[in-house]
Amino acid sequence: MDERISWFPVVSDGDMAPDVRALSDKAKERTGLVPNVFRVYAWRPERFLKWFSHFRDVMRESPGLSAADREMIGVVVSAENRCLYCTIAHGAELRQLLGDPVLADTIATDYKRAGLDARRRAMCDFAVKLTRSPAAVEEADIQHLRDVGLTEEDVWDVAEVAAMFNFSNRMASATGMRPNTKYFGR
């Protein structure tokens, strides 16, 4: 690794804990790269494995929220937080999932100008409100999500995805985490 990807120790692939190494190998097989978040977190393997397990559960597609919906929420939160790593990495994934790089990049830059339908716009608005001013969230915000067609489980998932990305954004920012260069233009 030529480029510094964290302000904290970065474990070489060969020195990763076996469980982390297995996840890294699986990611490389699936995507062609080991995400830098794996490399940065690898020096704290027990924490990484717990975080990754929760992240994977939160991002799992459901009947009410597609994988693209979940990535969109993550990208909007990450953009709001100005998180370099997550905006770039999850922006790349959103481009893949939507099959529309212009729409994905517009969402990442200014979702309000992306021409989203009312349902997706409400999800993004809620995620941004939860990010900017969590104490200002009211039951009316939840009701608005229900009014645009989200189920109780969907509303919960929107909140949990937004919360997960707020946590992850703060860790990425605190560690100086850099995105893999392959994410750019992907």
C-alpha atoms as a PDB file:
ATOM      1  CA  MET A   1       0.000   0.000   0.000  1.00  0.00           C
ATOM      2  CA  ASP A   2       1.669   3.184  -1.179  1.00  0.00           C
ATOM      3  CA  GLU A   3      -0.986   5.648  -0.064  1.00  0.00           C
ATOM      4  CA  ARG A   4      -1.631   6.242   3.613  1.00  0.00           C
ATOM      5  CA  ILE A   5      -5.247   5.214   4.261  1.00  0.00           C
ATOM      6  CA  SER A   6      -5.540   5.881   8.001  1.00  0.00           C
ATOM      7  CA  TRP A   7      -4.000   7.849  10.830  1.00  0.00           C
ATOM      8  CA  PHE A   8      -4.051   4.607  12.841  1.00  0.00           C
ATOM      9  CA  PRO A   9      -2.174   1.324  12.327  1.00  0.00           C
ATOM     10  CA  VAL A  10      -3.035  -0.580   9.154  1.00  0.00           C
ATOM     11  CA  VAL A  11      -2.573  -4.329   9.312  1.00  0.00           C
ATOM     12  CA  SER A  12      -1.133  -6.080   6.268  1.00  0.00           C
ATOM     13  CA  ASP A  13      -3.370  -8.658   4.625  1.00  0.00           C
ATOM     14  CA  GLY A  14      -1.176 -11.489   5.893  1.00  0.00           C
ATOM     15  CA  ASP A  15      -1.374 -10.269   9.484  1.00  0.00           C
ATOM     16  CA  MET A  16      -5.160  -9.923   9.622  1.00  0.00           C
ATOM     17  CA  ALA A  17      -7.098 -12.036  12.103  1.00  0.00           C
ATOM     18  CA  PRO A  18      -8.426 -15.139  10.327  1.00  0.00           C
ATOM     19  CA  ASP A  19     -12.087 -14.011  10.367  1.00  0.00           C
ATOM     20  CA  VAL A  20     -11.182 -10.577   9.030  1.00  0.00           C
ATOM     21  CA  ARG A  21      -8.919 -12.111   6.403  1.00  0.00           C
ATOM     22  CA  ALA A  22     -11.759 -14.407   5.273  1.00  0.00           C
ATOM     23  CA  LEU A  23     -14.106 -11.406   4.870  1.00  0.00           C
ATOM     24  CA  SER A  24     -11.389  -9.493   3.025  1.00  0.00           C
ATOM     25  CA  ASP A  25     -10.779 -12.399   0.657  1.00  0.00           C
ATOM     26  CA  LYS A  26     -14.511 -12.727   0.019  1.00  0.00           C
ATOM     27  CA  ALA A  27     -14.803  -8.995  -0.706  1.00  0.00           C
ATOM     28  CA  LYS A  28     -11.837  -9.120  -3.073  1.00  0.00           C
ATOM     29  CA  GLU A  29     -13.321 -12.111  -4.894  1.00  0.00           C
ATOM     30  CA  ARG A  30     -16.698 -10.368  -5.245  1.00  0.00           C
ATOM     31  CA  THR A  31     -15.573  -6.816  -6.047  1.00  0.00           C
ATOM     32  CA  GLY A  32     -11.941  -7.055  -7.093  1.00  0.00           C
ATOM     33  CA  LEU A  33     -10.663  -5.122  -4.073  1.00  0.00           C
ATOM     34  CA  VAL A  34     -10.388  -5.164  -0.307  1.00  0.00           C
ATOM     35  CA  PRO A  35     -12.288  -2.106   0.931  1.00  0.00           C
ATOM     36  CA  ASN A  36     -10.012   0.176   2.916  1.00  0.00           C
ATOM     37  CA  VAL A  37     -12.535   0.126   5.762  1.00  0.00           C
ATOM     38  CA  PHE A  38     -11.574  -3.538   6.240  1.00  0.00           C
ATOM     39  CA  ARG A  39      -7.882  -2.641   6.306  1.00  0.00           C
ATOM     40  CA  VAL A  40      -8.392   0.256   8.710  1.00  0.00           C
ATOM     41  CA  TYR A  41     -10.577  -1.703  11.120  1.00  0.00           C
ATOM     42  CA  ALA A  42      -8.429  -4.866  10.918  1.00  0.00           C
ATOM     43  CA  TRP A  43      -6.173  -3.853  13.790  1.00  0.00           C
ATOM     44  CA  ARG A  44      -9.232  -4.034  16.071  1.00  0.00           C
ATOM     45  CA  PRO A  45     -10.670  -7.305  14.702  1.00  0.00           C
ATOM     46  CA  GLU A  46     -13.240  -7.955  17.441  1.00  0.00           C
ATOM     47  CA  ARG A  47     -14.743  -4.492  16.904  1.00  0.00           C
ATOM     48  CA  PHE A  48     -14.618  -4.791  13.134  1.00  0.00           C
ATOM     49  CA  LEU A  49     -16.436  -8.118  13.134  1.00  0.00           C
ATOM     50  CA  LYS A  50     -19.227  -6.788  15.360  1.00  0.00           C
ATOM     51  CA  TRP A  51     -19.578  -3.592  13.342  1.00  0.00           C
ATOM     52  CA  PHE A  52     -19.545  -5.459  10.032  1.00  0.00           C
ATOM     53  CA  SER A  53     -22.152  -7.963  11.180  1.00  0.00           C
ATOM     54  CA  HIS A  54     -24.512  -5.161  12.178  1.00  0.00           C
ATOM     55  CA  PHE A  55     -23.746  -3.184   9.020  1.00  0.00           C
ATOM     56  CA  ARG A  56     -24.508  -6.207   6.836  1.00  0.00           C
ATOM     57  CA  ASP A  57     -27.822  -6.798   8.648  1.00  0.00           C
ATOM     58  CA  VAL A  58     -28.868  -3.155   8.362  1.00  0.00           C
ATOM     59  CA  MET A  59     -28.032  -3.044   4.652  1.00  0.00           C
ATOM     60  CA  ARG A  60     -29.828  -6.293   3.766  1.00  0.00           C
ATOM     61  CA  GLU A  61     -32.598  -5.684   1.237  1.00  0.00           C
ATOM     62  CA  SER A  62     -36.161  -6.184   2.451  1.00  0.00           C
ATOM     63  CA  PRO A  63     -39.536  -6.194   0.688  1.00  0.00           C
ATOM     64  CA  GLY A  64     -40.027  -2.520   1.555  1.00  0.00           C
ATOM     65  CA  LEU A  65     -36.510  -1.130   1.086  1.00  0.00           C
ATOM     66  CA  SER A  66     -34.306  -2.142  -1.791  1.00  0.00           C
ATOM     67  CA  ALA A  67     -30.533  -2.325  -1.609  1.00  0.00           C
ATOM     68  CA  ALA A  68     -30.485   0.885  -3.689  1.00  0.00           C
ATOM     69  CA  ASP A  69     -32.792   2.625  -1.175  1.00  0.00           C
ATOM     70  CA  ARG A  70     -30.454   1.671   1.655  1.00  0.00           C
ATOM     71  CA  GLU A  71     -27.347   2.811  -0.227  1.00  0.00           C
ATOM     72  CA  MET A  72     -29.122   6.048  -1.146  1.00  0.00           C
ATOM     73  CA  ILE A  73     -29.813   6.777   2.525  1.00  0.00           C
ATOM     74  CA  GLY A  74     -26.193   6.011   3.370  1.00  0.00           C
ATOM     75  CA  VAL A  75     -24.888   8.253   0.608  1.00  0.00           C
ATOM     76  CA  VAL A  76     -27.162  11.147   1.598  1.00  0.00           C
ATOM     77  CA  VAL A  77     -26.114  10.872   5.255  1.00  0.00           C
ATOM     78  CA  SER A  78     -22.454  10.578   4.272  1.00  0.00           C
ATOM     79  CA  ALA A  79     -22.672  13.606   1.997  1.00  0.00           C
ATOM     80  CA  GLU A  80     -24.359  15.577   4.771  1.00  0.00           C
ATOM     81  CA  ASN A  81     -21.534  14.612   7.125  1.00  0.00           C
ATOM     82  CA  ARG A  82     -18.936  15.331   4.423  1.00  0.00           C
ATOM     83  CA  CYS A  83     -17.491  11.865   4.962  1.00  0.00           C
ATOM     84  CA  LEU A  84     -15.023  11.341   2.142  1.00  0.00           C
ATOM     85  CA  TYR A  85     -14.740   7.574   2.520  1.00  0.00           C
ATOM     86  CA  CYS A  86     -18.424   6.712   2.721  1.00  0.00           C
ATOM     87  CA  THR A  87     -19.627   9.210   0.123  1.00  0.00           C
ATOM     88  CA  ILE A  88     -17.133   7.861  -2.417  1.00  0.00           C
ATOM     89  CA  ALA A  89     -17.367   4.148  -1.541  1.00  0.00           C
ATOM     90  CA  HIS A  90     -21.141   4.008  -1.200  1.00  0.00           C
ATOM     91  CA  GLY A  91     -21.607   6.416  -4.095  1.00  0.00           C
ATOM     92  CA  ALA A  92     -19.829   3.826  -6.249  1.00  0.00           C
ATOM     93  CA  GLU A  93     -22.143   1.111  -4.964  1.00  0.00           C
ATOM     94  CA  LEU A  94     -25.195   3.315  -5.571  1.00  0.00           C
ATOM     95  CA  ARG A  95     -24.079   3.882  -9.183  1.00  0.00           C
ATOM     96  CA  GLN A  96     -23.923   0.113  -9.634  1.00  0.00           C
ATOM     97  CA  LEU A  97     -27.269  -0.577  -7.983  1.00  0.00           C
ATOM     98  CA  LEU A  98     -29.179   2.165  -9.794  1.00  0.00           C
ATOM     99  CA  GLY A  99     -27.474   1.559 -13.127  1.00  0.00           C
ATOM    100  CA  ASP A 100     -27.631   5.329 -13.543  1.00  0.00           C
ATOM    101  CA  PRO A 101     -24.395   7.110 -12.612  1.00  0.00           C
ATOM    102  CA  VAL A 102     -25.882  10.565 -13.221  1.00  0.00           C
ATOM    103  CA  LEU A 103     -28.757   9.946 -10.814  1.00  0.00           C
ATOM    104  CA  ALA A 104     -26.432   8.397  -8.211  1.00  0.00           C
ATOM    105  CA  ASP A 105     -23.951  11.273  -8.378  1.00  0.00           C
ATOM    106  CA  THR A 106     -26.776  13.825  -8.245  1.00  0.00           C
ATOM    107  CA  ILE A 107     -28.126  12.123  -5.120  1.00  0.00           C
ATOM    108  CA  ALA A 108     -24.660  12.275  -3.569  1.00  0.00           C
ATOM    109  CA  THR A 109     -24.259  15.941  -4.429  1.00  0.00           C
ATOM    110  CA  ASP A 110     -27.780  17.325  -3.920  1.00  0.00           C
ATOM    111  CA  TYR A 111     -30.531  14.755  -3.559  1.00  0.00           C
ATOM    112  CA  LYS A 112     -33.152  17.525  -3.604  1.00  0.00           C
ATOM    113  CA  ARG A 113     -32.346  18.127  -7.279  1.00  0.00           C
ATOM    114  CA  ALA A 114     -32.297  14.441  -8.237  1.00  0.00           C
ATOM    115  CA  GLY A 115     -35.974  14.216  -9.195  1.00  0.00           C
ATOM    116  CA  LEU A 116     -36.689  11.526  -6.607  1.00  0.00           C
ATOM    117  CA  ASP A 117     -40.240  10.297  -6.136  1.00  0.00           C
ATOM    118  CA  ALA A 118     -42.068  11.361  -2.955  1.00  0.00           C
ATOM    119  CA  ARG A 119     -41.183   8.149  -1.128  1.00  0.00           C
ATOM    120  CA  ARG A 120     -37.443   8.366  -1.722  1.00  0.00           C
ATOM    121  CA  ARG A 121     -37.415  12.106  -1.130  1.00  0.00           C
ATOM    122  CA  ALA A 122     -39.126  11.590   2.248  1.00  0.00           C
ATOM    123  CA  MET A 123     -36.552   8.939   3.209  1.00  0.00           C
ATOM    124  CA  CYS A 124     -33.691  11.295   2.350  1.00  0.00           C
ATOM    125  CA  ASP A 125     -35.290  14.253   4.117  1.00  0.00           C
ATOM    126  CA  PHE A 126     -35.762  12.173   7.254  1.00  0.00           C
ATOM    127  CA  ALA A 127     -32.208  10.808   7.129  1.00  0.00           C
ATOM    128  CA  VAL A 128     -30.811  14.336   6.824  1.00  0.00           C
ATOM    129  CA  LYS A 129     -32.968  15.621   9.689  1.00  0.00           C
ATOM    130  CA  LEU A 130     -31.853  12.726  11.883  1.00  0.00           C
ATOM    131  CA  THR A 131     -28.253  13.535  10.953  1.00  0.00           C
ATOM    132  CA  ARG A 132     -28.410  17.317  11.410  1.00  0.00           C
ATOM    133  CA  SER A 133     -30.678  17.617  14.429  1.00  0.00           C
ATOM    134  CA  PRO A 134     -31.700  14.318  15.983  1.00  0.00           C
ATOM    135  CA  ALA A 135     -33.391  16.001  18.944  1.00  0.00           C
ATOM    136  CA  ALA A 136     -35.749  17.758  16.505  1.00  0.00           C
ATOM    137  CA  VAL A 137     -37.165  14.486  15.133  1.00  0.00           C
ATOM    138  CA  GLU A 138     -40.856  14.233  15.998  1.00  0.00           C
ATOM    139  CA  GLU A 139     -43.589  11.673  15.613  1.00  0.00           C
ATOM    140  CA  ALA A 140     -44.884  13.748  12.687  1.00  0.00           C
ATOM    141  CA  ASP A 141     -41.663  12.876  10.822  1.00  0.00           C
ATOM    142  CA  ILE A 142     -42.392   9.190  11.312  1.00  0.00           C
ATOM    143  CA  GLN A 143     -45.994   9.695  10.244  1.00  0.00           C
ATOM    144  CA  HIS A 144     -44.866  11.429   7.062  1.00  0.00           C
ATOM    145  CA  LEU A 145     -42.837   8.343   6.154  1.00  0.00           C
ATOM    146  CA  ARG A 146     -45.889   6.179   6.766  1.00  0.00           C
ATOM    147  CA  ASP A 147     -47.983   8.559   4.642  1.00  0.00           C
ATOM    148  CA  VAL A 148     -45.695   8.047   1.644  1.00  0.00           C
ATOM    149  CA  GLY A 149     -46.112   4.279   1.905  1.00  0.00           C
ATOM    150  CA  LEU A 150     -43.450   2.996   4.279  1.00  0.00           C
ATOM    151  CA  THR A 151     -44.360   0.265   6.750  1.00  0.00           C
ATOM    152  CA  GLU A 152     -43.346   0.342  10.408  1.00  0.00           C
ATOM    153  CA  GLU A 153     -40.404  -1.927   9.580  1.00  0.00           C
ATOM    154  CA  ASP A 154     -39.389   0.289   6.652  1.00  0.00           C
ATOM    155  CA  VAL A 155     -39.441   3.424   8.817  1.00  0.00           C
ATOM    156  CA  TRP A 156     -37.340   1.664  11.451  1.00  0.00           C
ATOM    157  CA  ASP A 157     -34.884   0.580   8.768  1.00  0.00           C
ATOM    158  CA  VAL A 158     -34.570   4.098   7.354  1.00  0.00           C
ATOM    159  CA  ALA A 159     -33.696   5.325  10.848  1.00  0.00           C
ATOM    160  CA  GLU A 160     -31.293   2.464  11.505  1.00  0.00           C
ATOM    161  CA  VAL A 161     -29.471   2.871   8.175  1.00  0.00           C
ATOM    162  CA  ALA A 162     -29.118   6.607   8.832  1.00  0.00           C
ATOM    163  CA  ALA A 163     -27.869   5.945  12.362  1.00  0.00           C
ATOM    164  CA  MET A 164     -25.400   3.292  11.176  1.00  0.00           C
ATOM    165  CA  PHE A 165     -23.961   5.673   8.608  1.00  0.00           C
ATOM    166  CA  ASN A 166     -23.695   8.478  11.140  1.00  0.00           C
ATOM    167  CA  PHE A 167     -21.609   6.181  13.335  1.00  0.00           C
ATOM    168  CA  SER A 168     -19.542   4.904  10.418  1.00  0.00           C
ATOM    169  CA  ASN A 169     -18.988   8.425   9.059  1.00  0.00           C
ATOM    170  CA  ARG A 170     -17.661   9.566  12.397  1.00  0.00           C
ATOM    171  CA  MET A 171     -15.261   6.632  12.620  1.00  0.00           C
ATOM    172  CA  ALA A 172     -14.089   7.178   9.043  1.00  0.00           C
ATOM    173  CA  SER A 173     -13.501  10.860   9.763  1.00  0.00           C
ATOM    174  CA  ALA A 174     -11.793  10.147  13.108  1.00  0.00           C
ATOM    175  CA  THR A 175      -9.389   7.678  11.497  1.00  0.00           C
ATOM    176  CA  GLY A 176      -8.588   9.736   8.404  1.00  0.00           C
ATOM    177  CA  MET A 177      -9.882   6.849   6.303  1.00  0.00           C
ATOM    178  CA  ARG A 178      -9.241   7.210   2.574  1.00  0.00           C
ATOM    179  CA  PRO A 179     -11.416   5.526  -0.072  1.00  0.00           C
ATOM    180  CA  ASN A 180      -9.944   2.973  -2.448  1.00  0.00           C
ATOM    181  CA  THR A 181      -8.994   4.716  -5.703  1.00  0.00           C
ATOM    182  CA  LYS A 182     -10.942   2.074  -7.648  1.00  0.00           C
ATOM    183  CA  TYR A 183     -14.185   3.522  -6.255  1.00  0.00           C
ATOM    184  CA  PHE A 184     -13.702   6.682  -8.283  1.00  0.00           C
ATOM    185  CA  GLY A 185     -15.469   6.464 -11.619  1.00  0.00           C
ATOM    186  CA  ARG A 186     -16.788   2.963 -10.895  1.00  0.00           C
END
